[in-house]
Amino acid sequence: MGGASKALKAAHNNMDVDQVHDLMEDIAEQQEVANEIADAISNPVGFNTGIDEDDLMRELEELEQEELDKKLLDANPAPINLPDAPASRLPAVSNRPAKVAAHDEDLADLESWANA
């Protein structure tokens, strides 16, 4: 223990309280300088200046719309399932305007009644 005591006396021999305070102030100043340097490095100049979030969102929406348009234009057409054509012939149409003539007679009667 005597050696440790002599070492402490030798270390404290050249120091007083004022020198310790001065040394602590120097260390605090150097820590402030180190913090300023770290802040400068973490916030690089020229980055993140004037970036508008609305512009970024509009640009993203435009890119998404372009991608959607591209997918829609490249889409395959939907298959068309049509029924088969009938194999039998359709019945012949008669050329008798029988019902039309009766309808015309009724219409003529109504017109004569309305004009009377």
PDB file of N, CA and C in Angstrom:
ATOM      1  N   MET A   1       0.806  -1.188   0.000  1.00  0.00           N
ATOM      2  CA  MET A   1       0.000   0.000   0.000  1.00  0.00           C
ATOM      3  C   MET A   1       0.858   1.263   0.000  1.00  0.00           C
ATOM      4  N   GLY A   2       1.977   1.097   0.433  1.00  0.00           N
ATOM      5  CA  GLY A   2       2.857   2.260   0.471  1.00  0.00           C
ATOM      6  C   GLY A   2       3.186   2.753  -0.924  1.00  0.00           C
ATOM      7  N   GLY A   3       3.313   1.792  -1.881  1.00  0.00           N
ATOM      8  CA  GLY A   3       3.603   2.172  -3.261  1.00  0.00           C
ATOM      9  C   GLY A   3       2.448   2.929  -3.890  1.00  0.00           C
ATOM     10  N   ALA A   4       1.235   2.497  -3.579  1.00  0.00           N
ATOM     11  CA  ALA A   4       0.054   3.178  -4.118  1.00  0.00           C
ATOM     12  C   ALA A   4      -0.043   4.580  -3.546  1.00  0.00           C
ATOM     13  N   SER A   5       0.274   4.716  -2.290  1.00  0.00           N
ATOM     14  CA  SER A   5       0.217   6.026  -1.654  1.00  0.00           C
ATOM     15  C   SER A   5       1.240   6.957  -2.276  1.00  0.00           C
ATOM     16  N   LYS A   6       2.419   6.455  -2.545  1.00  0.00           N
ATOM     17  CA  LYS A   6       3.456   7.280  -3.162  1.00  0.00           C
ATOM     18  C   LYS A   6       3.047   7.675  -4.585  1.00  0.00           C
ATOM     19  N   ALA A   7       2.389   6.756  -5.315  1.00  0.00           N
ATOM     20  CA  ALA A   7       1.954   7.053  -6.686  1.00  0.00           C
ATOM     21  C   ALA A   7       0.881   8.135  -6.693  1.00  0.00           C
ATOM     22  N   LEU A   8      -0.053   8.060  -5.753  1.00  0.00           N
ATOM     23  CA  LEU A   8      -1.096   9.091  -5.673  1.00  0.00           C
ATOM     24  C   LEU A   8      -0.492  10.441  -5.315  1.00  0.00           C
ATOM     25  N   LYS A   9       0.441  10.469  -4.383  1.00  0.00           N
ATOM     26  CA  LYS A   9       1.094  11.733  -4.011  1.00  0.00           C
ATOM     27  C   LYS A   9       1.839  12.308  -5.202  1.00  0.00           C
ATOM     28  N   ALA A  10       2.482  11.459  -5.988  1.00  0.00           N
ATOM     29  CA  ALA A  10       3.224  11.934  -7.152  1.00  0.00           C
ATOM     30  C   ALA A  10       2.275  12.482  -8.211  1.00  0.00           C
ATOM     31  N   ALA A  11       1.117  11.831  -8.398  1.00  0.00           N
ATOM     32  CA  ALA A  11       0.140  12.291  -9.398  1.00  0.00           C
ATOM     33  C   ALA A  11      -0.491  13.609  -8.974  1.00  0.00           C
ATOM     34  N   HIS A  12      -0.737  13.761  -7.689  1.00  0.00           N
ATOM     35  CA  HIS A  12      -1.388  14.978  -7.194  1.00  0.00           C
ATOM     36  C   HIS A  12      -0.391  16.072  -6.853  1.00  0.00           C
ATOM     37  N   ASN A  13       0.863  15.777  -6.907  1.00  0.00           N
ATOM     38  CA  ASN A  13       1.892  16.730  -6.535  1.00  0.00           C
ATOM     39  C   ASN A  13       1.876  17.949  -7.446  1.00  0.00           C
ATOM     40  N   ASN A  14       1.648  17.734  -8.758  1.00  0.00           N
ATOM     41  CA  ASN A  14       1.684  18.838  -9.715  1.00  0.00           C
ATOM     42  C   ASN A  14       0.301  19.411 -10.009  1.00  0.00           C
ATOM     43  N   MET A  15      -0.740  19.008  -9.288  1.00  0.00           N
ATOM     44  CA  MET A  15      -2.102  19.477  -9.586  1.00  0.00           C
ATOM     45  C   MET A  15      -2.706  20.147  -8.375  1.00  0.00           C
ATOM     46  N   ASP A  16      -3.571  21.133  -8.711  1.00  0.00           N
ATOM     47  CA  ASP A  16      -4.396  21.730  -7.665  1.00  0.00           C
ATOM     48  C   ASP A  16      -5.828  21.786  -8.177  1.00  0.00           C
ATOM     49  N   VAL A  17      -6.754  22.278  -7.377  1.00  0.00           N
ATOM     50  CA  VAL A  17      -8.176  22.281  -7.728  1.00  0.00           C
ATOM     51  C   VAL A  17      -8.434  23.143  -8.956  1.00  0.00           C
ATOM     52  N   ASP A  18      -7.770  24.257  -9.089  1.00  0.00           N
ATOM     53  CA  ASP A  18      -7.975  25.139 -10.249  1.00  0.00           C
ATOM     54  C   ASP A  18      -7.556  24.445 -11.548  1.00  0.00           C
ATOM     55  N   GLN A  19      -6.467  23.695 -11.492  1.00  0.00           N
ATOM     56  CA  GLN A  19      -6.031  22.971 -12.686  1.00  0.00           C
ATOM     57  C   GLN A  19      -7.047  21.889 -13.071  1.00  0.00           C
ATOM     58  N   VAL A  20      -7.644  21.241 -12.077  1.00  0.00           N
ATOM     59  CA  VAL A  20      -8.664  20.218 -12.358  1.00  0.00           C
ATOM     60  C   VAL A  20      -9.880  20.863 -13.014  1.00  0.00           C
ATOM     61  N   HIS A  21     -10.323  22.040 -12.492  1.00  0.00           N
ATOM     62  CA  HIS A  21     -11.474  22.738 -13.101  1.00  0.00           C
ATOM     63  C   HIS A  21     -11.155  23.156 -14.539  1.00  0.00           C
ATOM     64  N   ASP A  22      -9.957  23.668 -14.764  1.00  0.00           N
ATOM     65  CA  ASP A  22      -9.562  24.056 -16.122  1.00  0.00           C
ATOM     66  C   ASP A  22      -9.568  22.843 -17.059  1.00  0.00           C
ATOM     67  N   LEU A  23      -9.042  21.731 -16.563  1.00  0.00           N
ATOM     68  CA  LEU A  23      -9.023  20.508 -17.369  1.00  0.00           C
ATOM     69  C   LEU A  23     -10.441  20.034 -17.687  1.00  0.00           C
ATOM     70  N   MET A  24     -11.351  20.099 -16.715  1.00  0.00           N
ATOM     71  CA  MET A  24     -12.744  19.692 -16.932  1.00  0.00           C
ATOM     72  C   MET A  24     -13.436  20.617 -17.934  1.00  0.00           C
ATOM     73  N   GLU A  25     -13.142  21.921 -17.877  1.00  0.00           N
ATOM     74  CA  GLU A  25     -13.716  22.862 -18.851  1.00  0.00           C
ATOM     75  C   GLU A  25     -13.214  22.546 -20.259  1.00  0.00           C
ATOM     76  N   ASP A  26     -11.925  22.236 -20.385  1.00  0.00           N
ATOM     77  CA  ASP A  26     -11.369  21.877 -21.695  1.00  0.00           C
ATOM     78  C   ASP A  26     -12.036  20.619 -22.249  1.00  0.00           C
ATOM     79  N   ILE A  27     -12.246  19.641 -21.388  1.00  0.00           N
ATOM     80  CA  ILE A  27     -12.907  18.404 -21.822  1.00  0.00           C
ATOM     81  C   ILE A  27     -14.342  18.694 -22.254  1.00  0.00           C
ATOM     82  N   ALA A  28     -15.076  19.543 -21.514  1.00  0.00           N
ATOM     83  CA  ALA A  28     -16.456  19.892 -21.864  1.00  0.00           C
ATOM     84  C   ALA A  28     -16.501  20.621 -23.199  1.00  0.00           C
ATOM     85  N   GLU A  29     -15.543  21.541 -23.434  1.00  0.00           N
ATOM     86  CA  GLU A  29     -15.499  22.258 -24.712  1.00  0.00           C
ATOM     87  C   GLU A  29     -15.250  21.287 -25.870  1.00  0.00           C
ATOM     88  N   GLN A  30     -14.353  20.341 -25.675  1.00  0.00           N
ATOM     89  CA  GLN A  30     -14.062  19.375 -26.727  1.00  0.00           C
ATOM     90  C   GLN A  30     -15.260  18.464 -27.000  1.00  0.00           C
ATOM     91  N   GLN A  31     -16.031  18.156 -25.961  1.00  0.00           N
ATOM     92  CA  GLN A  31     -17.246  17.361 -26.166  1.00  0.00           C
ATOM     93  C   GLN A  31     -18.283  18.156 -26.955  1.00  0.00           C
ATOM     94  N   GLU A  32     -18.396  19.464 -26.693  1.00  0.00           N
ATOM     95  CA  GLU A  32     -19.315  20.304 -27.466  1.00  0.00           C
ATOM     96  C   GLU A  32     -18.905  20.341 -28.932  1.00  0.00           C
ATOM     97  N   VAL A  33     -17.595  20.475 -29.183  1.00  0.00           N
ATOM     98  CA  VAL A  33     -17.107  20.483 -30.565  1.00  0.00           C
ATOM     99  C   VAL A  33     -17.416  19.141 -31.233  1.00  0.00           C
ATOM    100  N   ALA A  34     -17.213  18.049 -30.515  1.00  0.00           N
ATOM    101  CA  ALA A  34     -17.503  16.720 -31.069  1.00  0.00           C
ATOM    102  C   ALA A  34     -18.992  16.576 -31.372  1.00  0.00           C
ATOM    103  N   ASN A  35     -19.867  17.105 -30.510  1.00  0.00           N
ATOM    104  CA  ASN A  35     -21.316  17.050 -30.756  1.00  0.00           C
ATOM    105  C   ASN A  35     -21.706  17.882 -31.973  1.00  0.00           C
ATOM    106  N   GLU A  36     -21.098  19.065 -32.132  1.00  0.00           N
ATOM    107  CA  GLU A  36     -21.388  19.899 -33.301  1.00  0.00           C
ATOM    108  C   GLU A  36     -20.971  19.184 -34.588  1.00  0.00           C
ATOM    109  N   ILE A  37     -19.822  18.530 -34.543  1.00  0.00           N
ATOM    110  CA  ILE A  37     -19.352  17.785 -35.721  1.00  0.00           C
ATOM    111  C   ILE A  37     -20.302  16.630 -36.026  1.00  0.00           C
ATOM    112  N   ALA A  38     -20.741  15.925 -34.999  1.00  0.00           N
ATOM    113  CA  ALA A  38     -21.676  14.811 -35.204  1.00  0.00           C
ATOM    114  C   ALA A  38     -22.999  15.308 -35.782  1.00  0.00           C
ATOM    115  N   ASP A  39     -23.488  16.469 -35.309  1.00  0.00           N
ATOM    116  CA  ASP A  39     -24.725  17.042 -35.861  1.00  0.00           C
ATOM    117  C   ASP A  39     -24.547  17.425 -37.321  1.00  0.00           C
ATOM    118  N   ALA A  40     -23.394  18.014 -37.641  1.00  0.00           N
ATOM    119  CA  ALA A  40     -23.140  18.417 -39.026  1.00  0.00           C
ATOM    120  C   ALA A  40     -23.086  17.203 -39.946  1.00  0.00           C
ATOM    121  N   ILE A  41     -22.521  16.114 -39.468  1.00  0.00           N
ATOM    122  CA  ILE A  41     -22.434  14.899 -40.286  1.00  0.00           C
ATOM    123  C   ILE A  41     -23.803  14.258 -40.456  1.00  0.00           C
ATOM    124  N   SER A  42     -24.617  14.278 -39.416  1.00  0.00           N
ATOM    125  CA  SER A  42     -25.926  13.618 -39.497  1.00  0.00           C
ATOM    126  C   SER A  42     -26.940  14.416 -40.301  1.00  0.00           C
ATOM    127  N   ASN A  43     -26.706  15.705 -40.540  1.00  0.00           N
ATOM    128  CA  ASN A  43     -27.597  16.540 -41.355  1.00  0.00           C
ATOM    129  C   ASN A  43     -26.805  17.099 -42.528  1.00  0.00           C
ATOM    130  N   PRO A  44     -26.558  16.291 -43.558  1.00  0.00           N
ATOM    131  CA  PRO A  44     -25.748  16.762 -44.676  1.00  0.00           C
ATOM    132  C   PRO A  44     -26.415  17.922 -45.405  1.00  0.00           C
ATOM    133  N   VAL A  45     -25.588  18.825 -45.883  1.00  0.00           N
ATOM    134  CA  VAL A  45     -26.065  20.001 -46.603  1.00  0.00           C
ATOM    135  C   VAL A  45     -26.535  19.577 -47.986  1.00  0.00           C
ATOM    136  N   GLY A  46     -27.654  20.131 -48.422  1.00  0.00           N
ATOM    137  CA  GLY A  46     -28.160  19.844 -49.751  1.00  0.00           C
ATOM    138  C   GLY A  46     -29.175  18.729 -49.793  1.00  0.00           C
ATOM    139  N   PHE A  47     -29.313  17.992 -48.725  1.00  0.00           N
ATOM    140  CA  PHE A  47     -30.300  16.927 -48.670  1.00  0.00           C
ATOM    141  C   PHE A  47     -31.483  17.383 -47.843  1.00  0.00           C
ATOM    142  N   ASN A  48     -32.648  16.901 -48.235  1.00  0.00           N
ATOM    143  CA  ASN A  48     -33.882  17.155 -47.487  1.00  0.00           C
ATOM    144  C   ASN A  48     -34.211  18.639 -47.396  1.00  0.00           C
ATOM    145  N   THR A  49     -33.890  19.384 -48.429  1.00  0.00           N
ATOM    146  CA  THR A  49     -34.247  20.798 -48.437  1.00  0.00           C
ATOM    147  C   THR A  49     -35.264  21.025 -49.533  1.00  0.00           C
ATOM    148  N   GLY A  50     -36.358  21.618 -49.188  1.00  0.00           N
ATOM    149  CA  GLY A  50     -37.368  21.964 -50.176  1.00  0.00           C
ATOM    150  C   GLY A  50     -38.126  20.789 -50.750  1.00  0.00           C
ATOM    151  N   ILE A  51     -38.180  19.674 -50.077  1.00  0.00           N
ATOM    152  CA  ILE A  51     -38.939  18.523 -50.573  1.00  0.00           C
ATOM    153  C   ILE A  51     -40.383  18.687 -50.136  1.00  0.00           C
ATOM    154  N   ASP A  52     -41.270  18.701 -51.108  1.00  0.00           N
ATOM    155  CA  ASP A  52     -42.692  18.874 -50.822  1.00  0.00           C
ATOM    156  C   ASP A  52     -43.358  17.502 -50.810  1.00  0.00           C
ATOM    157  N   GLU A  53     -43.974  17.162 -49.691  1.00  0.00           N
ATOM    158  CA  GLU A  53     -44.630  15.857 -49.548  1.00  0.00           C
ATOM    159  C   GLU A  53     -45.765  15.695 -50.558  1.00  0.00           C
ATOM    160  N   ASP A  54     -46.500  16.775 -50.829  1.00  0.00           N
ATOM    161  CA  ASP A  54     -47.608  16.698 -51.792  1.00  0.00           C
ATOM    162  C   ASP A  54     -47.089  16.374 -53.190  1.00  0.00           C
ATOM    163  N   ASP A  55     -45.959  16.989 -53.572  1.00  0.00           N
ATOM    164  CA  ASP A  55     -45.371  16.685 -54.878  1.00  0.00           C
ATOM    165  C   ASP A  55     -44.948  15.223 -54.958  1.00  0.00           C
ATOM    166  N   LEU A  56     -44.368  14.722 -53.878  1.00  0.00           N
ATOM    167  CA  LEU A  56     -43.961  13.316 -53.866  1.00  0.00           C
ATOM    168  C   LEU A  56     -45.165  12.389 -53.988  1.00  0.00           C
ATOM    169  N   MET A  57     -46.268  12.714 -53.302  1.00  0.00           N
ATOM    170  CA  MET A  57     -47.468  11.880 -53.376  1.00  0.00           C
ATOM    171  C   MET A  57     -48.069  11.919 -54.780  1.00  0.00           C
ATOM    172  N   ARG A  58     -48.094  13.108 -55.407  1.00  0.00           N
ATOM    173  CA  ARG A  58     -48.616  13.209 -56.778  1.00  0.00           C
ATOM    174  C   ARG A  58     -47.762  12.380 -57.736  1.00  0.00           C
ATOM    175  N   GLU A  59     -46.455  12.462 -57.568  1.00  0.00           N
ATOM    176  CA  GLU A  59     -45.568  11.692 -58.440  1.00  0.00           C
ATOM    177  C   GLU A  59     -45.773  10.194 -58.240  1.00  0.00           C
ATOM    178  N   LEU A  60     -45.960   9.771 -56.994  1.00  0.00           N
ATOM    179  CA  LEU A  60     -46.223   8.362 -56.717  1.00  0.00           C
ATOM    180  C   LEU A  60     -47.536   7.922 -57.354  1.00  0.00           C
ATOM    181  N   GLU A  61     -48.580   8.741 -57.237  1.00  0.00           N
ATOM    182  CA  GLU A  61     -49.874   8.401 -57.838  1.00  0.00           C
ATOM    183  C   GLU A  61     -49.766   8.305 -59.356  1.00  0.00           C
ATOM    184  N   GLU A  62     -48.994   9.212 -59.973  1.00  0.00           N
ATOM    185  CA  GLU A  62     -48.813   9.154 -61.424  1.00  0.00           C
ATOM    186  C   GLU A  62     -48.103   7.861 -61.831  1.00  0.00           C
ATOM    187  N   LEU A  63     -47.077   7.487 -61.081  1.00  0.00           N
ATOM    188  CA  LEU A  63     -46.364   6.244 -61.396  1.00  0.00           C
ATOM    189  C   LEU A  63     -47.267   5.028 -61.226  1.00  0.00           C
ATOM    190  N   GLU A  64     -48.082   5.028 -60.172  1.00  0.00           N
ATOM    191  CA  GLU A  64     -49.007   3.911 -59.963  1.00  0.00           C
ATOM    192  C   GLU A  64     -50.047   3.859 -61.077  1.00  0.00           C
ATOM    193  N   GLN A  65     -50.541   5.028 -61.530  1.00  0.00           N
ATOM    194  CA  GLN A  65     -51.529   5.064 -62.610  1.00  0.00           C
ATOM    195  C   GLN A  65     -50.913   4.567 -63.913  1.00  0.00           C
ATOM    196  N   GLU A  66     -49.660   4.956 -64.191  1.00  0.00           N
ATOM    197  CA  GLU A  66     -48.983   4.471 -65.394  1.00  0.00           C
ATOM    198  C   GLU A  66     -48.844   2.949 -65.361  1.00  0.00           C
ATOM    199  N   GLU A  67     -48.503   2.419 -64.202  1.00  0.00           N
ATOM    200  CA  GLU A  67     -48.359   0.964 -64.068  1.00  0.00           C
ATOM    201  C   GLU A  67     -49.701   0.269 -64.280  1.00  0.00           C
ATOM    202  N   LEU A  68     -50.771   0.838 -63.721  1.00  0.00           N
ATOM    203  CA  LEU A  68     -52.104   0.266 -63.893  1.00  0.00           C
ATOM    204  C   LEU A  68     -52.532   0.328 -65.355  1.00  0.00           C
ATOM    205  N   ASP A  69     -52.292   1.471 -66.014  1.00  0.00           N
ATOM    206  CA  ASP A  69     -52.636   1.595 -67.433  1.00  0.00           C
ATOM    207  C   ASP A  69     -51.889   0.554 -68.264  1.00  0.00           C
ATOM    208  N   LYS A  70     -50.625   0.355 -67.949  1.00  0.00           N
ATOM    209  CA  LYS A  70     -49.828  -0.623 -68.690  1.00  0.00           C
ATOM    210  C   LYS A  70     -50.396  -2.026 -68.510  1.00  0.00           C
ATOM    211  N   LYS A  71     -50.786  -2.359 -67.284  1.00  0.00           N
ATOM    212  CA  LYS A  71     -51.365  -3.681 -67.032  1.00  0.00           C
ATOM    213  C   LYS A  71     -52.695  -3.843 -67.760  1.00  0.00           C
ATOM    214  N   LEU A  72     -53.514  -2.787 -67.783  1.00  0.00           N
ATOM    215  CA  LEU A  72     -54.817  -2.880 -68.448  1.00  0.00           C
ATOM    216  C   LEU A  72     -54.663  -3.006 -69.959  1.00  0.00           C
ATOM    217  N   LEU A  73     -53.681  -2.317 -70.532  1.00  0.00           N
ATOM    218  CA  LEU A  73     -53.478  -2.396 -71.979  1.00  0.00           C
ATOM    219  C   LEU A  73     -52.904  -3.745 -72.398  1.00  0.00           C
ATOM    220  N   ASP A  74     -52.159  -4.375 -71.519  1.00  0.00           N
ATOM    221  CA  ASP A  74     -51.565  -5.673 -71.835  1.00  0.00           C
ATOM    222  C   ASP A  74     -52.471  -6.843 -71.475  1.00  0.00           C
ATOM    223  N   ALA A  75     -53.654  -6.566 -70.969  1.00  0.00           N
ATOM    224  CA  ALA A  75     -54.562  -7.636 -70.528  1.00  0.00           C
ATOM    225  C   ALA A  75     -55.126  -8.378 -71.738  1.00  0.00           C
ATOM    226  N   ASN A  76     -55.323  -9.674 -71.591  1.00  0.00           N
ATOM    227  CA  ASN A  76     -55.933 -10.486 -72.645  1.00  0.00           C
ATOM    228  C   ASN A  76     -57.438 -10.247 -72.646  1.00  0.00           C
ATOM    229  N   PRO A  77     -58.057 -10.242 -73.838  1.00  0.00           N
ATOM    230  CA  PRO A  77     -59.509 -10.034 -73.876  1.00  0.00           C
ATOM    231  C   PRO A  77     -60.246 -11.208 -73.239  1.00  0.00           C
ATOM    232  N   ALA A  78     -61.395 -10.908 -72.702  1.00  0.00           N
ATOM    233  CA  ALA A  78     -62.211 -11.948 -72.063  1.00  0.00           C
ATOM    234  C   ALA A  78     -62.764 -12.881 -73.138  1.00  0.00           C
ATOM    235  N   PRO A  79     -62.822 -14.169 -72.863  1.00  0.00           N
ATOM    236  CA  PRO A  79     -63.369 -15.101 -73.860  1.00  0.00           C
ATOM    237  C   PRO A  79     -64.872 -14.867 -74.049  1.00  0.00           C
ATOM    238  N   ILE A  80     -65.303 -14.985 -75.289  1.00  0.00           N
ATOM    239  CA  ILE A  80     -66.721 -14.793 -75.614  1.00  0.00           C
ATOM    240  C   ILE A  80     -67.331 -16.167 -75.870  1.00  0.00           C
ATOM    241  N   ASN A  81     -68.291 -16.542 -75.058  1.00  0.00           N
ATOM    242  CA  ASN A  81     -68.965 -17.833 -75.203  1.00  0.00           C
ATOM    243  C   ASN A  81     -70.336 -17.601 -75.832  1.00  0.00           C
ATOM    244  N   LEU A  82     -70.433 -17.878 -77.121  1.00  0.00           N
ATOM    245  CA  LEU A  82     -71.693 -17.706 -77.837  1.00  0.00           C
ATOM    246  C   LEU A  82     -72.396 -19.054 -77.946  1.00  0.00           C
ATOM    247  N   PRO A  83     -73.739 -19.030 -77.998  1.00  0.00           N
ATOM    248  CA  PRO A  83     -74.455 -20.300 -78.160  1.00  0.00           C
ATOM    249  C   PRO A  83     -74.272 -20.821 -79.591  1.00  0.00           C
ATOM    250  N   ASP A  84     -74.465 -22.114 -79.751  1.00  0.00           N
ATOM    251  CA  ASP A  84     -74.364 -22.724 -81.076  1.00  0.00           C
ATOM    252  C   ASP A  84     -75.551 -22.288 -81.935  1.00  0.00           C
ATOM    253  N   ALA A  85     -75.323 -22.202 -83.230  1.00  0.00           N
ATOM    254  CA  ALA A  85     -76.393 -21.853 -84.161  1.00  0.00           C
ATOM    255  C   ALA A  85     -77.376 -23.022 -84.250  1.00  0.00           C
ATOM    256  N   PRO A  86     -78.675 -22.731 -84.429  1.00  0.00           N
ATOM    257  CA  PRO A  86     -79.646 -23.832 -84.512  1.00  0.00           C
ATOM    258  C   PRO A  86     -79.374 -24.689 -85.756  1.00  0.00           C
ATOM    259  N   ALA A  87     -79.566 -25.982 -85.603  1.00  0.00           N
ATOM    260  CA  ALA A  87     -79.325 -26.915 -86.706  1.00  0.00           C
ATOM    261  C   ALA A  87     -80.554 -27.049 -87.604  1.00  0.00           C
ATOM    262  N   SER A  88     -81.739 -26.782 -87.080  1.00  0.00           N
ATOM    263  CA  SER A  88     -82.962 -26.932 -87.884  1.00  0.00           C
ATOM    264  C   SER A  88     -83.289 -25.613 -88.577  1.00  0.00           C
ATOM    265  N   ARG A  89     -84.146 -25.718 -89.598  1.00  0.00           N
ATOM    266  CA  ARG A  89     -84.566 -24.527 -90.339  1.00  0.00           C
ATOM    267  C   ARG A  89     -85.701 -23.840 -89.606  1.00  0.00           C
ATOM    268  N   LEU A  90     -85.764 -22.560 -89.739  1.00  0.00           N
ATOM    269  CA  LEU A  90     -86.840 -21.791 -89.125  1.00  0.00           C
ATOM    270  C   LEU A  90     -88.123 -21.989 -89.921  1.00  0.00           C
ATOM    271  N   PRO A  91     -89.298 -21.909 -89.280  1.00  0.00           N
ATOM    272  CA  PRO A  91     -90.558 -22.072 -90.021  1.00  0.00           C
ATOM    273  C   PRO A  91     -90.748 -20.933 -91.018  1.00  0.00           C
ATOM    274  N   ALA A  92     -91.444 -21.248 -92.087  1.00  0.00           N
ATOM    275  CA  ALA A  92     -91.695 -20.258 -93.136  1.00  0.00           C
ATOM    276  C   ALA A  92     -92.653 -19.197 -92.630  1.00  0.00           C
ATOM    277  N   VAL A  93     -92.473 -17.980 -93.088  1.00  0.00           N
ATOM    278  CA  VAL A  93     -93.322 -16.861 -92.685  1.00  0.00           C
ATOM    279  C   VAL A  93     -94.448 -16.729 -93.706  1.00  0.00           C
ATOM    280  N   SER A  94     -95.660 -16.601 -93.211  1.00  0.00           N
ATOM    281  CA  SER A  94     -96.792 -16.442 -94.137  1.00  0.00           C
ATOM    282  C   SER A  94     -96.882 -14.983 -94.557  1.00  0.00           C
ATOM    283  N   ASN A  95     -97.342 -14.772 -95.761  1.00  0.00           N
ATOM    284  CA  ASN A  95     -97.461 -13.423 -96.299  1.00  0.00           C
ATOM    285  C   ASN A  95     -98.854 -12.865 -96.109  1.00  0.00           C
ATOM    286  N   ARG A  96     -99.608 -13.391 -95.167  1.00  0.00           N
ATOM    287  CA  ARG A  96    -100.982 -12.945 -94.965  1.00  0.00           C
ATOM    288  C   ARG A  96    -101.014 -11.802 -93.957  1.00  0.00           C
ATOM    289  N   PRO A  97    -101.425 -10.652 -94.358  1.00  0.00           N
ATOM    290  CA  PRO A  97    -101.567  -9.535 -93.417  1.00  0.00           C
ATOM    291  C   PRO A  97    -102.978  -9.481 -92.852  1.00  0.00           C
ATOM    292  N   ALA A  98    -103.514 -10.600 -92.388  1.00  0.00           N
ATOM    293  CA  ALA A  98    -104.904 -10.663 -91.928  1.00  0.00           C
ATOM    294  C   ALA A  98    -105.108  -9.797 -90.696  1.00  0.00           C
ATOM    295  N   LYS A  99    -104.252  -9.910 -89.718  1.00  0.00           N
ATOM    296  CA  LYS A  99    -104.431  -9.142 -88.491  1.00  0.00           C
ATOM    297  C   LYS A  99    -104.206  -7.659 -88.737  1.00  0.00           C
ATOM    298  N   VAL A 100    -103.294  -7.338 -89.616  1.00  0.00           N
ATOM    299  CA  VAL A 100    -103.029  -5.936 -89.916  1.00  0.00           C
ATOM    300  C   VAL A 100    -104.251  -5.306 -90.575  1.00  0.00           C
ATOM    301  N   ALA A 101    -104.925  -6.026 -91.454  1.00  0.00           N
ATOM    302  CA  ALA A 101    -106.114  -5.494 -92.124  1.00  0.00           C
ATOM    303  C   ALA A 101    -107.217  -5.240 -91.118  1.00  0.00           C
ATOM    304  N   ALA A 102    -107.422  -6.154 -90.175  1.00  0.00           N
ATOM    305  CA  ALA A 102    -108.451  -5.960 -89.155  1.00  0.00           C
ATOM    306  C   ALA A 102    -108.101  -4.759 -88.290  1.00  0.00           C
ATOM    307  N   HIS A 103    -106.853  -4.597 -88.009  1.00  0.00           N
ATOM    308  CA  HIS A 103    -106.420  -3.457 -87.198  1.00  0.00           C
ATOM    309  C   HIS A 103    -106.654  -2.154 -87.956  1.00  0.00           C
ATOM    310  N   ASP A 104    -106.385  -2.166 -89.273  1.00  0.00           N
ATOM    311  CA  ASP A 104    -106.611  -0.973 -90.084  1.00  0.00           C
ATOM    312  C   ASP A 104    -108.090  -0.612 -90.136  1.00  0.00           C
ATOM    313  N   GLU A 105    -108.950  -1.614 -90.204  1.00  0.00           N
ATOM    314  CA  GLU A 105    -110.395  -1.341 -90.219  1.00  0.00           C
ATOM    315  C   GLU A 105    -110.833  -0.709 -88.902  1.00  0.00           C
ATOM    316  N   ASP A 106    -110.334  -1.229 -87.780  1.00  0.00           N
ATOM    317  CA  ASP A 106    -110.684  -0.648 -86.476  1.00  0.00           C
ATOM    318  C   ASP A 106    -110.188   0.786 -86.373  1.00  0.00           C
ATOM    319  N   LEU A 107    -109.007   1.048 -86.876  1.00  0.00           N
ATOM    320  CA  LEU A 107    -108.457   2.391 -86.835  1.00  0.00           C
ATOM    321  C   LEU A 107    -109.280   3.342 -87.701  1.00  0.00           C
ATOM    322  N   ALA A 108    -109.733   2.872 -88.855  1.00  0.00           N
ATOM    323  CA  ALA A 108    -110.561   3.709 -89.732  1.00  0.00           C
ATOM    324  C   ALA A 108    -111.883   4.030 -89.055  1.00  0.00           C
ATOM    325  N   ASP A 109    -112.494   3.052 -88.350  1.00  0.00           N
ATOM    326  CA  ASP A 109    -113.747   3.298 -87.624  1.00  0.00           C
ATOM    327  C   ASP A 109    -113.549   4.358 -86.542  1.00  0.00           C
ATOM    328  N   LEU A 110    -112.433   4.280 -85.811  1.00  0.00           N
ATOM    329  CA  LEU A 110    -112.165   5.271 -84.753  1.00  0.00           C
ATOM    330  C   LEU A 110    -111.948   6.659 -85.337  1.00  0.00           C
ATOM    331  N   GLU A 111    -111.280   6.736 -86.466  1.00  0.00           N
ATOM    332  CA  GLU A 111    -111.050   8.034 -87.096  1.00  0.00           C
ATOM    333  C   GLU A 111    -112.359   8.654 -87.574  1.00  0.00           C
ATOM    334  N   SER A 112    -113.240   7.844 -88.147  1.00  0.00           N
ATOM    335  CA  SER A 112    -114.522   8.386 -88.623  1.00  0.00           C
ATOM    336  C   SER A 112    -115.381   8.825 -87.446  1.00  0.00           C
ATOM    337  N   TRP A 113    -115.342   8.086 -86.356  1.00  0.00           N
ATOM    338  CA  TRP A 113    -116.097   8.466 -85.158  1.00  0.00           C
ATOM    339  C   TRP A 113    -115.563   9.765 -84.581  1.00  0.00           C
ATOM    340  N   ALA A 114    -114.190   9.929 -84.551  1.00  0.00           N
ATOM    341  CA  ALA A 114    -113.582  11.131 -83.984  1.00  0.00           C
ATOM    342  C   ALA A 114    -113.854  12.345 -84.852  1.00  0.00           C
ATOM    343  N   ASN A 115    -113.971  12.171 -86.157  1.00  0.00           N
ATOM    344  CA  ASN A 115    -114.203  13.295 -87.057  1.00  0.00           C
ATOM    345  C   ASN A 115    -115.675  13.673 -87.154  1.00  0.00           C
ATOM    346  N   ALA A 116    -116.553  12.852 -86.654  1.00  0.00           N
ATOM    347  CA  ALA A 116    -117.978  13.116 -86.789  1.00  0.00           C
ATOM    348  C   ALA A 116    -118.494  14.112 -85.800  1.00  0.00           C
TER     349      ALA A 116
END
